Protein backbone atom coordinates (compact mmCIF):
# COMPACT_ATOMS: atom_id res chain seq x y z
CA MET A 1 -9.11 109.99 418.41
CA PRO A 2 -12.40 109.94 419.48
CA TYR A 3 -11.07 106.44 421.29
CA VAL A 4 -8.37 108.59 423.14
CA VAL A 5 -10.87 110.90 424.67
CA THR A 6 -13.08 108.48 425.96
CA LEU A 7 -10.25 106.61 427.14
CA VAL A 8 -9.72 109.74 428.77
CA ILE A 9 -12.59 110.49 430.46
CA LEU A 10 -13.02 107.09 431.92
CA LEU A 11 -9.62 106.90 433.27
CA SER A 12 -10.53 110.31 435.30
CA VAL A 13 -13.82 109.15 436.88
CA LEU A 14 -11.20 106.39 437.82
CA CYS A 15 -9.67 108.27 439.22
CA LEU A 16 -12.01 110.79 441.13
CA LEU A 17 -13.20 107.55 442.11
CA ASN A 18 -10.47 106.22 443.70
CA LEU A 19 -10.04 109.72 445.63
CA ALA A 20 -13.26 109.53 446.85
CA LEU A 21 -13.07 106.14 448.22
CA THR A 22 -9.28 107.12 449.61
CA VAL A 23 -10.61 109.89 451.66
CA GLY A 24 -13.29 107.71 452.75
CA VAL A 25 -10.95 104.66 454.00
CA ILE A 26 -8.78 107.99 456.19
CA ARG A 27 -12.14 109.21 457.83
CA ARG A 28 -13.19 105.65 459.14
CA LEU A 29 -9.62 105.33 459.88
CA ARG A 30 -9.22 107.93 462.20
CA LYS A 31 -12.63 107.55 463.86
CA HIS A 32 -11.31 103.47 464.01
CA SER A 33 -7.60 105.53 465.88
CA GLU A 34 -10.11 107.58 468.47
CA ALA A 35 -11.80 104.42 469.19
CA LEU A 36 -8.63 102.77 470.25
CA ALA A 37 -7.67 105.62 472.28
CA SER A 38 -10.09 105.73 474.04
CA ARG A 39 -10.07 101.88 475.42
CA SER A 40 -9.45 101.30 478.74
CA ASP A 41 -9.05 97.60 477.95
CA ASP A 42 -5.27 95.78 477.39
CA GLY A 43 -6.71 94.83 473.94
CA HIS A 44 -7.87 91.55 474.45
CA GLY A 45 -10.97 92.43 476.37
CA ARG A 46 -9.51 92.44 479.64
CA GLN A 47 -10.11 95.88 481.88
CA ALA A 48 -6.04 96.77 482.33
CA ILE A 49 -7.24 98.37 485.45
CA LEU A 50 -10.22 99.09 487.66
CA PRO A 51 -12.69 101.55 485.71
CA GLU A 52 -14.51 104.71 486.90
CA GLY A 53 -16.21 104.28 489.90
CA ALA A 54 -15.10 101.15 490.70
CA VAL A 55 -14.20 100.91 494.55
CA ALA A 56 -10.34 99.24 495.31
CA PRO A 57 -10.03 97.10 498.01
CA PRO A 58 -7.70 97.96 501.33
CA TYR A 59 -3.96 97.68 500.39
CA ASP A 60 -0.90 98.32 502.66
CA THR A 61 2.82 98.57 501.66
CA VAL A 62 6.01 100.47 502.15
CA ALA A 63 7.17 102.82 499.70
CA THR A 64 11.14 103.40 499.22
CA ASP A 65 11.48 106.31 501.41
CA GLY A 66 10.07 103.79 504.18
CA SER A 67 6.77 105.59 504.54
CA THR A 68 3.41 103.50 504.24
CA VAL A 69 1.37 103.67 501.28
CA SER A 70 -2.03 102.26 502.31
CA SER A 71 -5.65 102.98 500.80
CA ASP A 72 -6.87 103.91 504.09
CA LEU A 73 -4.77 107.07 504.25
CA VAL A 74 -6.10 108.90 501.10
CA THR A 75 -8.18 111.29 501.76
CA GLN A 76 -7.69 113.83 498.71
CA PRO A 77 -7.69 112.40 495.19
CA VAL A 78 -4.23 110.28 494.58
CA LEU A 79 -2.64 110.31 490.89
CA VAL A 80 -1.54 106.41 490.34
CA GLY A 81 0.93 105.29 487.90
CA VAL A 82 1.54 102.13 487.16
CA PHE A 83 5.20 100.86 485.09
CA SER A 84 7.61 98.15 484.68
CA PRO A 85 11.14 99.23 483.80
CA GLY A 86 11.30 96.43 480.43
CA CYS A 87 8.03 98.70 478.67
CA ASP A 88 8.86 100.62 476.05
CA ALA A 89 5.22 102.23 476.90
CA CYS A 90 6.26 102.78 480.29
CA HIS A 91 9.36 104.62 478.88
CA LYS A 92 7.58 106.60 476.30
CA ALA A 93 4.75 107.69 478.68
CA LEU A 94 7.08 108.97 482.03
CA PRO A 95 7.97 112.54 480.54
CA ASP A 96 4.47 112.76 480.84
CA PHE A 97 3.57 111.72 484.34
CA LEU A 98 6.36 113.64 485.83
CA ALA A 99 5.46 116.89 483.89
CA ALA A 100 1.87 116.31 485.21
CA ALA A 101 3.30 114.56 488.94
CA GLU A 102 4.50 118.21 489.21
CA ARG A 103 1.44 119.79 488.11
CA PHE A 104 -1.28 117.85 490.37
CA PRO A 105 -2.30 119.15 493.78
CA GLY A 106 -0.84 118.54 496.62
CA GLY A 107 2.41 117.59 495.49
CA PRO A 108 4.30 114.14 495.91
CA GLU A 109 2.34 113.00 498.85
CA HIS A 110 -0.47 112.84 496.20
CA ILE A 111 1.25 111.08 493.56
CA LEU A 112 2.01 107.37 494.18
CA ALA A 113 3.89 105.61 491.02
CA VAL A 114 4.32 101.74 491.37
CA ILE A 115 7.03 100.50 489.58
CA VAL A 116 6.18 95.98 488.79
CA ASP A 117 9.61 94.85 488.75
CA GLU A 118 10.54 91.41 489.21
CA LYS A 119 13.73 91.40 487.82
CA GLY A 120 15.69 93.71 490.00
CA GLU A 121 15.57 96.41 487.15
CA SER A 122 13.83 98.64 488.33
CA GLY A 123 16.86 101.36 489.82
CA PRO A 124 16.66 103.81 486.32
CA LEU A 125 12.97 104.05 486.76
CA ARG A 126 13.06 104.35 490.27
CA ALA A 127 15.25 107.71 490.52
CA GLU A 128 13.14 109.33 487.84
CA LEU A 129 9.88 109.09 489.76
CA GLU A 130 11.44 109.46 493.23
CA PRO A 131 11.53 112.86 493.18
CA VAL A 132 8.16 113.75 492.56
CA ALA A 133 6.01 110.65 494.11
CA ARG A 134 5.61 108.10 496.54
CA VAL A 135 7.56 105.04 494.97
CA VAL A 136 6.67 101.57 495.59
CA VAL A 137 8.52 98.53 494.02
CA GLU A 138 6.29 95.42 493.78
CA ASP A 139 6.00 92.03 492.16
CA MET A 140 3.10 91.55 489.75
CA GLY A 141 0.35 91.11 492.36
CA GLY A 142 1.36 93.07 494.76
CA PRO A 143 -0.60 94.56 496.90
CA VAL A 144 -1.11 97.75 495.07
CA THR A 145 -1.46 95.44 491.16
CA SER A 146 -3.58 93.74 492.87
CA ALA A 147 -5.98 96.20 494.50
CA LEU A 148 -6.39 98.09 491.56
CA GLN A 149 -6.15 94.92 489.66
CA VAL A 150 -3.26 95.94 486.97
CA GLN A 151 -3.57 94.09 483.98
CA ALA A 152 -0.99 95.88 481.30
CA PHE A 153 1.85 98.81 481.79
CA PRO A 154 1.71 101.62 481.70
CA VAL A 155 -2.00 102.36 483.23
CA PHE A 156 -3.00 105.09 485.21
CA ALA A 157 -6.11 106.10 487.48
CA LEU A 158 -7.03 108.93 489.62
CA VAL A 159 -8.07 107.38 493.52
CA GLY A 160 -10.32 109.38 495.77
CA GLY A 161 -11.24 108.58 499.47
CA GLY A 162 -12.53 105.34 500.55
CA GLY A 163 -10.56 103.52 497.02
CA ARG A 164 -13.08 104.86 494.80
CA ILE A 165 -11.57 105.07 491.38
CA MET A 166 -12.35 108.74 489.79
CA ALA A 167 -10.99 107.86 486.38
CA SER A 168 -8.81 105.21 484.87
CA GLY A 169 -7.18 104.56 481.71
CA LEU A 170 -4.18 103.25 479.59
CA ARG A 171 -3.57 106.94 478.73
CA LEU A 172 -2.45 109.64 481.21
CA ASN A 173 -4.83 111.89 479.24
CA GLN A 174 -7.62 109.64 479.73
CA VAL A 175 -7.08 110.04 483.96
CA PHE A 176 -5.19 113.43 484.50
CA SER A 177 -6.86 117.04 484.22
CA LEU A 178 -6.46 119.36 486.50
CA THR A 179 -10.50 120.08 486.02
CA ARG A 180 -11.43 116.46 487.59
CA VAL A 181 -9.65 117.21 490.81
C-alpha cells in the first residue's frame, strides 16, 4: 500500500509540473502571436509597404471613374488599401476596409483602393470598393504600388500631404484609427 500512495503522489506532482509548463508555453505563444500581429513586414524580412515616416515618391494615375489620382493632390490624409483578387487574406480584410471607409473623414475622395490585377479578375472586388473609394486597377509595379513599395497583400497606409506615410501595415487596425486622423 505505501507504494501506491507514493506512486499517486509522484503522479500528482508530475501532473502539476506538466500543467505549469503548459501554462508557460501558452503565455509564450500569446506573446509571440501578438508580436507577429504587430509586424509590418511580409514574413520574409522585407517591408510590406513603406514604413511610417517615409515619404512616397510622386505618382500619377487614373481611377476607374476617370478621375486623376496623384500624390500632388493629397492635402488631407488618404486611407489606402492595396488588394489582389486572388488573395484570400484580401477578401477576409475587405469587410473591415469597407467599414473603415464609411467612417473615414472626407468620404470616398480620401479613400484609395488599389487592386493589383494582372489577369483581369478585378470585377467583383472593384464593384465592392467603388461605392466607398476611388479605385485604381494596376499591375504590380504600377504607379501607386511602386511609389508605396508594396511587397505583400493586403497592405494599408494612411498617407498625408507630401506623400508622408502616417501609418502603414499588413492589418487595417495598425493603420486606421479615427484618433490618428
